[in-house]
Protein backbone atom coordinates (compact mmCIF):
# COMPACT_ATOMS: atom_id res chain seq x y z
CA MET A 1 17.62 -31.12 15.75
CA VAL A 2 14.91 -30.81 12.90
CA VAL A 3 13.49 -34.12 13.77
CA LEU A 4 13.48 -33.16 17.39
CA ALA A 5 11.64 -29.93 16.68
CA PHE A 6 8.93 -31.92 14.63
CA VAL A 7 8.36 -34.45 17.32
CA ALA A 8 8.26 -31.85 20.17
CA ALA A 9 5.80 -29.61 18.40
CA ALA A 10 3.54 -32.65 17.60
CA MET A 11 3.73 -33.76 21.16
CA GLY A 12 3.16 -30.18 22.51
CA GLN A 13 0.07 -29.76 20.50
CA PHE A 14 -1.35 -33.04 21.16
CA VAL A 15 -1.05 -32.42 24.96
CA GLY A 16 -2.36 -28.83 24.71
CA MET A 17 -5.37 -30.12 22.75
CA ALA A 18 -5.98 -32.97 25.19
CA ILE A 19 -5.97 -30.43 28.16
CA VAL A 20 -8.57 -28.09 26.47
CA LEU A 21 -10.71 -31.07 25.62
CA THR A 22 -11.28 -32.19 29.17
CA PRO A 23 -14.71 -30.31 29.39
CA LEU A 24 -15.98 -32.46 26.59
CA TRP A 25 -15.01 -35.70 28.31
CA ARG A 26 -16.92 -34.73 31.43
CA GLY A 27 -20.73 -35.48 31.38
CA GLY A 28 -22.89 -37.03 28.68
CA ASP A 29 -23.95 -36.20 25.13
CA PHE A 30 -24.36 -32.50 25.14
CA HIS A 31 -26.58 -30.27 23.03
CA TRP A 32 -24.43 -28.91 20.17
CA THR A 33 -24.44 -25.29 21.65
CA GLU A 34 -23.05 -26.64 24.81
CA ARG A 35 -20.53 -28.87 22.86
CA ALA A 36 -19.48 -25.84 20.86
CA ARG A 37 -18.98 -23.84 23.97
CA ARG A 38 -16.86 -26.31 25.70
CA GLY A 39 -14.87 -27.14 22.61
CA TRP A 40 -14.06 -23.52 21.61
CA SER A 41 -10.93 -23.52 23.55
CA ALA A 42 -9.62 -26.38 21.39
CA ARG A 43 -10.54 -24.40 18.32
CA LEU A 44 -8.17 -21.59 19.63
CA VAL A 45 -5.27 -23.77 20.42
CA ALA A 46 -5.62 -25.47 17.06
CA ALA A 47 -4.69 -22.10 15.59
CA ALA A 48 -1.25 -22.14 17.35
CA PRO A 49 1.07 -23.73 14.72
CA LEU A 50 1.66 -20.34 12.89
CA SER A 51 2.60 -18.64 16.21
CA LEU A 52 4.87 -21.45 17.04
CA PHE A 53 6.61 -21.06 13.72
CA ILE A 54 7.17 -17.34 14.48
CA ILE A 55 8.64 -17.88 17.99
CA SER A 56 10.72 -20.80 16.72
CA PHE A 57 12.02 -18.49 13.82
CA LEU A 58 12.94 -15.71 16.31
CA GLY A 59 14.33 -17.99 18.96
CA SER A 60 16.40 -20.11 16.61
CA GLY A 61 18.14 -17.16 15.07
CA ALA A 62 16.85 -18.14 11.55
CA GLY A 63 17.13 -15.86 8.68
CA LEU A 64 14.90 -15.53 5.55
CA THR A 65 17.92 -15.71 3.43
CA ASN A 66 19.30 -18.92 5.08
CA PRO A 67 17.29 -21.93 3.98
CA VAL A 68 19.09 -24.27 6.27
CA SER A 69 18.37 -22.31 9.53
CA PHE A 70 14.67 -22.00 8.15
CA LEU A 71 14.36 -25.73 8.52
CA LEU A 72 13.78 -25.71 12.41
CA PRO A 73 10.82 -23.33 12.38
CA ALA A 74 9.32 -25.08 9.52
CA ALA A 75 9.55 -28.49 11.35
CA THR A 76 7.97 -26.91 14.42
CA PHE A 77 5.05 -25.77 12.19
CA PHE A 78 4.39 -28.94 10.48
CA GLY A 79 4.81 -30.93 13.67
CA ALA A 80 2.28 -28.60 15.41
CA VAL A 81 -0.15 -29.22 12.47
CA VAL A 82 0.14 -32.88 12.82
CA GLY A 83 -0.42 -32.80 16.59
CA THR A 84 -3.48 -30.82 16.05
CA ILE A 85 -5.30 -33.38 14.01
CA PRO A 86 -6.37 -35.94 16.70
CA GLY A 87 -7.79 -33.14 18.82
CA LEU A 88 -9.74 -31.49 15.98
CA ARG A 89 -11.21 -34.99 14.95
CA ALA A 90 -12.38 -35.32 18.44
CA VAL A 91 -14.02 -31.83 18.66
CA LEU A 92 -15.57 -31.82 15.13
CA ARG A 93 -16.38 -35.52 15.02
CA ARG A 94 -15.44 -35.94 11.36
CA ARG A 95 -12.33 -36.59 9.29
CA VAL A 96 -9.57 -34.03 9.50
CA THR A 97 -6.32 -34.61 7.40
CA LEU A 98 -2.98 -32.90 7.09
CA ARG A 99 -3.91 -31.91 3.54
CA SER A 100 -7.08 -30.24 4.59
CA LEU A 101 -5.45 -28.26 7.31
CA LEU A 102 -2.66 -27.09 5.13
CA GLY A 103 -5.29 -26.03 2.61
CA GLU A 104 -6.79 -24.03 5.36
CA TYR A 105 -3.65 -22.01 5.62
CA VAL A 106 -3.38 -21.54 1.91
CA VAL A 107 -7.04 -20.22 1.75
CA ALA A 108 -6.53 -18.02 4.70
CA PHE A 109 -3.30 -16.41 3.48
CA SER A 110 -4.24 -16.01 -0.13
CA LEU A 111 -7.90 -15.12 0.05
CA ARG A 112 -9.19 -14.49 3.52
CA THR A 113 -6.30 -12.51 5.24
CA PRO A 114 -3.62 -12.22 2.71
CA ALA A 115 -2.12 -8.98 4.29
CA THR A 116 -1.34 -11.04 7.38
CA ILE A 117 1.35 -13.34 5.83
CA VAL A 118 2.83 -10.49 3.96
CA PHE A 119 3.22 -8.31 6.99
CA LEU A 120 4.62 -11.21 9.05
CA ALA A 121 7.22 -11.76 6.41
CA MET A 122 8.06 -8.05 6.37
CA PHE A 123 8.19 -7.90 10.23
CA LEU A 124 10.80 -10.83 10.27
CA LEU A 125 12.78 -9.03 7.55
CA LEU A 126 12.86 -5.79 9.47
CA LEU A 127 13.52 -7.27 12.97
CA TRP A 128 17.26 -6.64 12.85
CA ARG A 129 17.40 -3.69 10.27
CA SER A 130 17.93 -0.20 10.85
CA TRP A 131 16.21 2.78 9.18
CA ASP A 132 17.52 3.13 5.57
CA VAL A 133 16.59 3.17 2.06
CA GLU A 134 16.39 -0.58 1.72
CA THR A 135 14.22 -0.80 4.66
CA VAL A 136 11.80 1.80 3.29
CA GLU A 137 11.72 -0.30 0.14
CA ILE A 138 10.85 -3.42 1.91
CA MET A 139 8.13 -1.59 3.64
CA GLY A 140 6.66 -0.08 0.64
CA LEU A 141 6.78 -3.30 -1.53
CA SER A 142 5.12 -5.17 1.33
CA LEU A 143 2.33 -2.79 1.70
CA LEU A 144 1.75 -2.76 -2.18
CA LEU A 145 1.66 -6.70 -2.22
CA ALA A 146 -0.67 -6.76 0.68
CA LEU A 147 -3.04 -4.21 -0.96
CA LEU A 148 -2.83 -6.24 -4.31
CA LEU A 149 -3.63 -9.58 -2.60
CA SER A 150 -6.52 -7.98 -0.64
CA LEU A 151 -7.89 -6.82 -4.03
CA GLY A 152 -7.84 -10.49 -5.24
CA ALA A 153 -4.46 -10.79 -7.06
CA ALA A 154 -4.13 -14.30 -5.59
CA VAL A 155 -7.34 -15.66 -7.02
CA PRO A 156 -5.51 -17.13 -10.31
CA LEU A 157 -3.07 -19.02 -8.05
CA VAL A 158 -5.70 -20.36 -5.94
CA ARG A 159 -7.59 -21.59 -9.03
CA LEU A 160 -4.46 -23.12 -10.37
CA LEU A 161 -3.96 -25.04 -7.11
CA GLY A 162 -7.45 -26.45 -7.50
CA LEU A 163 -8.84 -24.70 -4.39
CA LEU A 164 -11.34 -22.60 -6.52
CA THR A 165 -13.45 -24.69 -9.04
CA ALA A 166 -16.43 -24.43 -11.25
CA PRO A 167 -19.86 -24.69 -9.70
CA SER A 168 -22.64 -27.26 -10.24
CA GLU A 169 -25.70 -26.28 -12.11
CA ARG A 170 -27.70 -26.27 -8.86
CA LEU A 171 -25.37 -23.65 -7.29
CA ILE A 172 -25.48 -21.47 -10.41
CA THR A 173 -29.26 -21.49 -10.40
CA ILE A 174 -29.51 -20.76 -6.60
CA VAL A 175 -27.15 -17.73 -6.96
CA GLN A 176 -29.15 -16.48 -9.96
CA ARG A 177 -32.34 -16.73 -7.93
CA ALA A 178 -30.77 -14.88 -5.04
CA ALA A 179 -29.48 -12.09 -7.31
CA ALA A 180 -32.98 -11.77 -8.85
CA GLN A 181 -34.48 -11.30 -5.40
CA THR A 182 -31.94 -8.69 -4.54
CA GLY A 183 -32.27 -7.00 -7.86
CA VAL A 184 -28.66 -7.23 -8.99
CA GLN A 185 -26.79 -9.04 -11.76
CA PRO A 186 -25.84 -12.64 -10.91
CA PRO A 187 -22.05 -12.58 -9.85
CA PRO A 188 -19.55 -15.27 -10.75
CA VAL A 189 -19.66 -18.14 -8.53
CA PHE A 190 -17.17 -20.78 -7.42
CA VAL A 191 -16.80 -23.73 -5.13
CA LEU A 192 -14.02 -23.10 -2.55
CA HIS A 193 -12.47 -26.28 -1.32
CA TRP A 194 -12.15 -25.45 2.35
CA GLN A 195 -13.20 -27.84 5.08
CA ALA A 196 -15.64 -25.46 6.87
CA ALA A 197 -19.13 -25.14 5.88
CA ASN A 198 -19.33 -21.54 4.76
CA ALA A 199 -19.97 -19.03 1.94
CA ILE A 200 -17.78 -15.93 1.31
CA ALA A 201 -18.25 -12.74 -0.71
CA PHE A 202 -15.05 -11.17 -2.22
CA PRO A 203 -16.28 -7.55 -2.77
CA PHE A 204 -13.03 -6.50 -4.72
CA ALA A 205 -12.79 -9.51 -6.94
CA ARG A 206 -16.66 -9.40 -7.30
CA PHE A 207 -17.45 -13.05 -6.89
CA VAL A 208 -18.94 -15.45 -4.23
CA ALA A 209 -17.73 -18.89 -3.19
CA PHE A 210 -19.40 -21.79 -1.49
CA THR A 211 -17.54 -24.58 0.24
CA PRO A 212 -18.58 -28.26 -0.70
CA SER A 213 -19.90 -28.84 2.87
CA ILE A 214 -22.48 -25.89 2.96
CA ILE A 215 -23.70 -26.98 -0.52
CA GLU A 216 -24.38 -30.46 0.85
CA LEU A 217 -25.70 -29.28 4.18
CA LEU A 218 -28.21 -26.79 3.26
CA SER A 219 -31.51 -27.00 1.29
CA ASP A 220 -32.09 -24.91 -1.84
CA ASP A 221 -34.11 -22.19 0.07
CA GLU A 222 -31.34 -22.00 2.76
CA LEU A 223 -28.65 -21.69 0.21
CA THR A 224 -30.54 -18.91 -1.49
CA ALA A 225 -30.85 -16.94 1.64
CA VAL A 226 -27.13 -17.34 2.35
CA ALA A 227 -26.40 -16.37 -1.30
CA ALA A 228 -28.59 -13.25 -0.77
CA HIS A 229 -26.60 -12.35 2.30
CA GLU A 230 -23.19 -12.68 0.28
CA ILE A 231 -24.49 -10.83 -2.83
CA ALA A 232 -25.32 -7.97 -0.62
CA HIS A 233 -21.68 -7.66 0.18
CA LEU A 234 -20.85 -7.28 -3.45
CA SER A 235 -23.28 -4.35 -3.89
CA GLU A 236 -21.45 -2.21 -1.15
CA SER A 237 -20.47 1.21 -2.49
CA ARG A 238 -16.97 2.22 -3.49
CA ALA A 239 -16.57 4.23 -0.39
CA GLN A 240 -17.57 1.15 1.90
CA LYS A 241 -14.97 -0.95 -0.05
CA LEU A 242 -12.27 1.53 0.38
CA ILE A 243 -13.03 1.69 4.23
CA ARG A 244 -12.71 -2.07 4.24
CA LEU A 245 -9.35 -1.87 2.43
CA SER A 246 -8.05 0.81 5.01
CA GLY A 247 -7.75 -2.12 7.37
CA VAL A 248 -4.51 -2.97 5.63
CA LEU A 249 -3.08 0.48 6.42
CA VAL A 250 -4.29 0.36 9.96
CA ILE A 251 -2.48 -2.77 11.02
CA PHE A 252 0.60 -2.08 8.64
CA PRO A 253 2.58 0.08 11.09
CA LEU A 254 2.28 -2.64 13.84
CA PHE A 255 4.41 -4.99 11.80
CA ALA A 256 7.00 -2.34 11.26
CA LEU A 257 7.43 -1.61 14.99
CA PRO A 258 11.10 -2.98 15.22
CA VAL A 259 12.21 -0.26 12.75
CA LEU A 260 9.87 2.54 13.84
CA ILE A 261 10.89 2.22 17.54
CA ARG A 262 14.56 2.39 16.47
CA ARG A 263 13.91 5.40 14.24
CA PHE A 264 11.37 7.35 16.25
CA GLU A 265 11.86 5.82 19.65
CA VAL A 266 8.80 6.30 22.02
CA LEU A 267 6.58 7.91 19.31
CA GLY A 268 7.44 4.90 16.99
CA PHE A 269 5.48 2.75 19.40
CA ILE A 270 2.72 5.17 20.57
CA LEU A 271 1.56 6.23 17.33
CA PRO A 272 1.11 2.88 15.54
CA PHE A 273 -0.40 1.31 18.69
CA THR A 274 -2.84 4.30 19.06
CA MET A 275 -3.68 4.12 15.25
CA ALA A 276 -4.32 0.31 15.49
CA VAL A 277 -6.60 0.61 18.50
CA ALA A 278 -8.61 3.47 17.28
CA GLY A 279 -8.78 2.24 13.63
CA GLY A 280 -9.61 -1.33 14.80
CA ARG A 281 -12.57 -0.24 16.86
CA PHE A 282 -13.88 1.96 14.02
CA LEU A 283 -13.35 -0.68 11.36
CA ARG A 284 -14.96 -3.43 13.42
CA ALA A 285 -18.02 -1.32 14.11
CA PHE A 286 -18.19 -0.55 10.39
CA ALA A 287 -17.84 -4.28 9.53
CA GLN A 288 -20.60 -4.98 11.94
CA LYS A 289 -22.91 -2.59 10.25
CA LEU A 290 -22.18 -4.07 6.95
CA GLU A 291 -23.03 -7.60 8.22
CA ARG A 292 -26.36 -6.26 9.64
CA ARG A 293 -27.09 -4.74 6.28
CA ALA A 294 -26.37 -8.11 4.53
CA ASP A 295 -28.57 -9.82 6.99
CA ALA A 296 -31.47 -7.32 6.22
CA ALA A 297 -31.07 -8.03 2.59
CA ALA A 298 -31.63 -11.75 3.19
CA HIS A 299 -34.60 -10.93 5.27
CA SER A 300 -36.40 -9.02 2.34
CA GLU A 301 -38.97 -11.69 2.55
CA ALA A 302 -40.24 -13.33 5.77
CA GLU A 303 -39.86 -16.94 4.44
CA GLN A 304 -36.22 -15.98 3.40
CA GLY A 305 -35.38 -14.52 6.67
CA ALA A 306 -36.42 -17.71 8.35
CA ALA A 307 -34.47 -19.65 5.92
CA LEU A 308 -31.33 -17.75 6.69
CA ALA A 309 -31.80 -18.27 10.45
CA THR A 310 -32.11 -22.14 10.03
CA ALA A 311 -29.15 -22.10 7.66
CA LEU A 312 -26.95 -20.19 10.11
CA GLU A 313 -27.97 -22.64 12.94
CA LYS A 314 -26.92 -25.58 10.69
CA LEU A 315 -23.66 -23.84 9.86
CA TYR A 316 -22.78 -23.09 13.43
CA GLU A 317 -23.60 -26.57 14.42
CA PHE A 318 -21.53 -28.16 11.67
CA ASN A 319 -18.67 -25.72 12.30
CA LEU A 320 -19.16 -26.07 16.10
CA VAL A 321 -19.10 -22.25 16.53
CA PRO A 322 -20.71 -21.03 19.81
CA ALA A 323 -24.17 -19.55 19.48
CA ILE A 324 -22.85 -16.86 21.82
CA MET A 325 -19.28 -15.66 21.36
CA PRO A 326 -17.14 -14.17 24.26
CA GLY A 327 -16.74 -10.39 24.29
CA LYS A 328 -17.91 -8.04 21.71
CA ARG A 329 -14.90 -8.16 19.14
CA GLN A 330 -16.57 -10.46 16.62
CA ILE A 331 -17.73 -8.95 13.36
CA HIS A 332 -20.84 -11.26 12.96
CA PRO A 333 -23.67 -10.76 15.49
CA HIS A 334 -24.32 -13.81 17.83
CA LEU A 335 -26.17 -16.51 16.23
CA TYR A 336 -28.84 -16.37 18.91
CA ASP A 337 -29.54 -12.79 18.05
CA ARG A 338 -29.50 -13.22 14.35
CA MET A 339 -32.21 -15.88 14.79
CA LEU A 340 -34.31 -13.62 16.97
CA ALA A 341 -33.79 -10.78 14.33
CA ALA A 342 -35.19 -13.11 11.74
CA GLY A 343 -38.18 -13.72 13.79
CA LEU A 344 -37.21 -17.37 14.69
CA GLN A 345 -37.19 -18.34 18.34
CA PRO A 346 -34.49 -20.79 19.02
CA THR A 347 -35.64 -24.07 20.73
CA TYR A 348 -32.94 -23.78 23.31
CA PRO A 349 -32.33 -21.11 26.17
CA ARG A 350 -29.71 -18.52 25.50
CA PRO A 351 -26.26 -20.33 25.95
CA ALA A 352 -23.36 -18.83 27.95
CA PRO A 353 -20.35 -17.72 26.04
CA PRO A 354 -17.17 -19.85 26.15
CA ARG A 355 -14.57 -19.51 28.83
CA ARG A 356 -11.07 -18.66 27.47
CA TRP A 357 -8.87 -19.39 30.47
CA LEU A 358 -8.54 -23.08 29.54
CA ALA A 359 -7.41 -22.03 26.03
CA LEU A 360 -4.60 -19.90 27.73
CA LEU A 361 -3.54 -22.85 29.89
CA GLY A 362 -3.49 -25.27 26.88
CA GLY A 363 -1.63 -22.72 24.81
CA ILE A 364 1.08 -22.35 27.50
CA VAL A 365 1.59 -26.07 27.80
CA SER A 366 1.69 -26.46 24.03
CA ALA A 367 4.26 -23.77 23.62
CA THR A 368 6.30 -25.01 26.42
CA ILE A 369 6.68 -28.44 25.09
CA SER A 370 6.70 -27.52 21.33
CA LEU A 371 9.48 -24.86 21.81
CA SER A 372 11.77 -26.91 24.11
CA PRO A 373 14.33 -27.77 21.39
CA LEU A 374 15.05 -23.94 21.20
CA ALA A 375 16.94 -24.45 24.49
CA LEU A 376 19.37 -26.73 22.67
CA SER A 377 19.64 -24.54 19.47
CA GLU A 378 22.35 -22.01 18.84
CA GLY A 379 19.86 -19.18 18.58
CA PRO A 380 19.17 -16.38 21.14
CA ILE A 381 16.98 -18.48 23.34
CA GLY A 382 19.60 -21.40 23.47
CA GLN A 383 22.34 -18.93 24.18
CA TRP A 384 20.35 -17.39 27.03
CA VAL A 385 19.68 -20.88 28.49
CA ASP A 386 23.42 -21.74 28.26
CA HIS A 387 24.38 -18.47 30.00
CA GLN A 388 21.88 -19.23 32.88
CA VAL A 389 23.32 -22.75 33.20
CA ASN A 390 26.92 -21.33 33.33
CA VAL A 391 25.91 -18.65 35.90
CA HIS A 392 24.38 -21.22 38.12
CA ARG A 393 27.21 -23.69 37.66
CA ARG A 394 29.74 -21.08 38.79
CA HIS A 395 27.64 -20.06 41.68
CA TRP A 396 27.40 -23.73 42.94
CA SER A 397 31.06 -24.31 42.40
CA ASP A 398 31.87 -21.20 44.47
């Protein structure tokens, strides 16, 4: 069953990715903005392995304290990651490996969104529990761990794994130059071994990190402008940092819904949902304001503003991120608007945003194939399928 789960997930992701890649196969050699727009659905489907793991976990009846029953969801996850690789290679037109994709998850859950994985584990622990002292202890410890990880508690572990390493002299010099231009002390700088071309500021741990791809891709002037943007995040006030951290508190009740609903019934759903919607909108607007502030810091000189705009364009092209994103939920302004704000007119007309319906179709196909082994398992989904088969069998026999 474990082997079947792995094969089904790999096949499901492969087929789902193939479906969403069809717009890239039609037509000729697109401009990068059009390629990014058409390929965005594939990027969304590529993020499915974690969701497939969670559904498989719930459907198989696995338990966190039962390592054997944990194998089926794990096989589904790894199979989905393997099935994602060919599609990502086709979209990004560069080498993508299993190791690099697994490294993406390590970086995401330890540095970028550490509270998410903690709350997911808490959710699975609470799913079948009632409200008691032990439940409250699990919730409290989970919240504490999420806050500590958000403050940078996982940084030593990430360094031990070799994902954060010492910078080159070139990068140190560039960060020192950017700090001098913004009038602050040069922060510690690291190389973050992540396959995207990106730079990230960690306001609580007070350091900046650059990936190998961005260091190779950008000129010194462009890297200086990007460094100035990231250093501006480190200069955020204590109040601004606390508001950032409050995002952990906003999403926490959503992951405790199974227990809250059993304990408080309708209010256990309405209050966390309302808190998440209202708090999410406020925090998104607040984060957008901080991004505009950081952009303004990098625009302190006209030449530096132009350098940031060209740097961003190179990064979006390398990462194949659309110049205009769908909706208004993203934290960063659209690339096209950031270039205009820097006084640089793009050489191409304003692109259309990506369409998301194809990603939905690809996700449904991927999930249907990937999770098909659940119908054969002894978990809740398998039991439901068996029940339906028996009902129809009795109907036809009558």
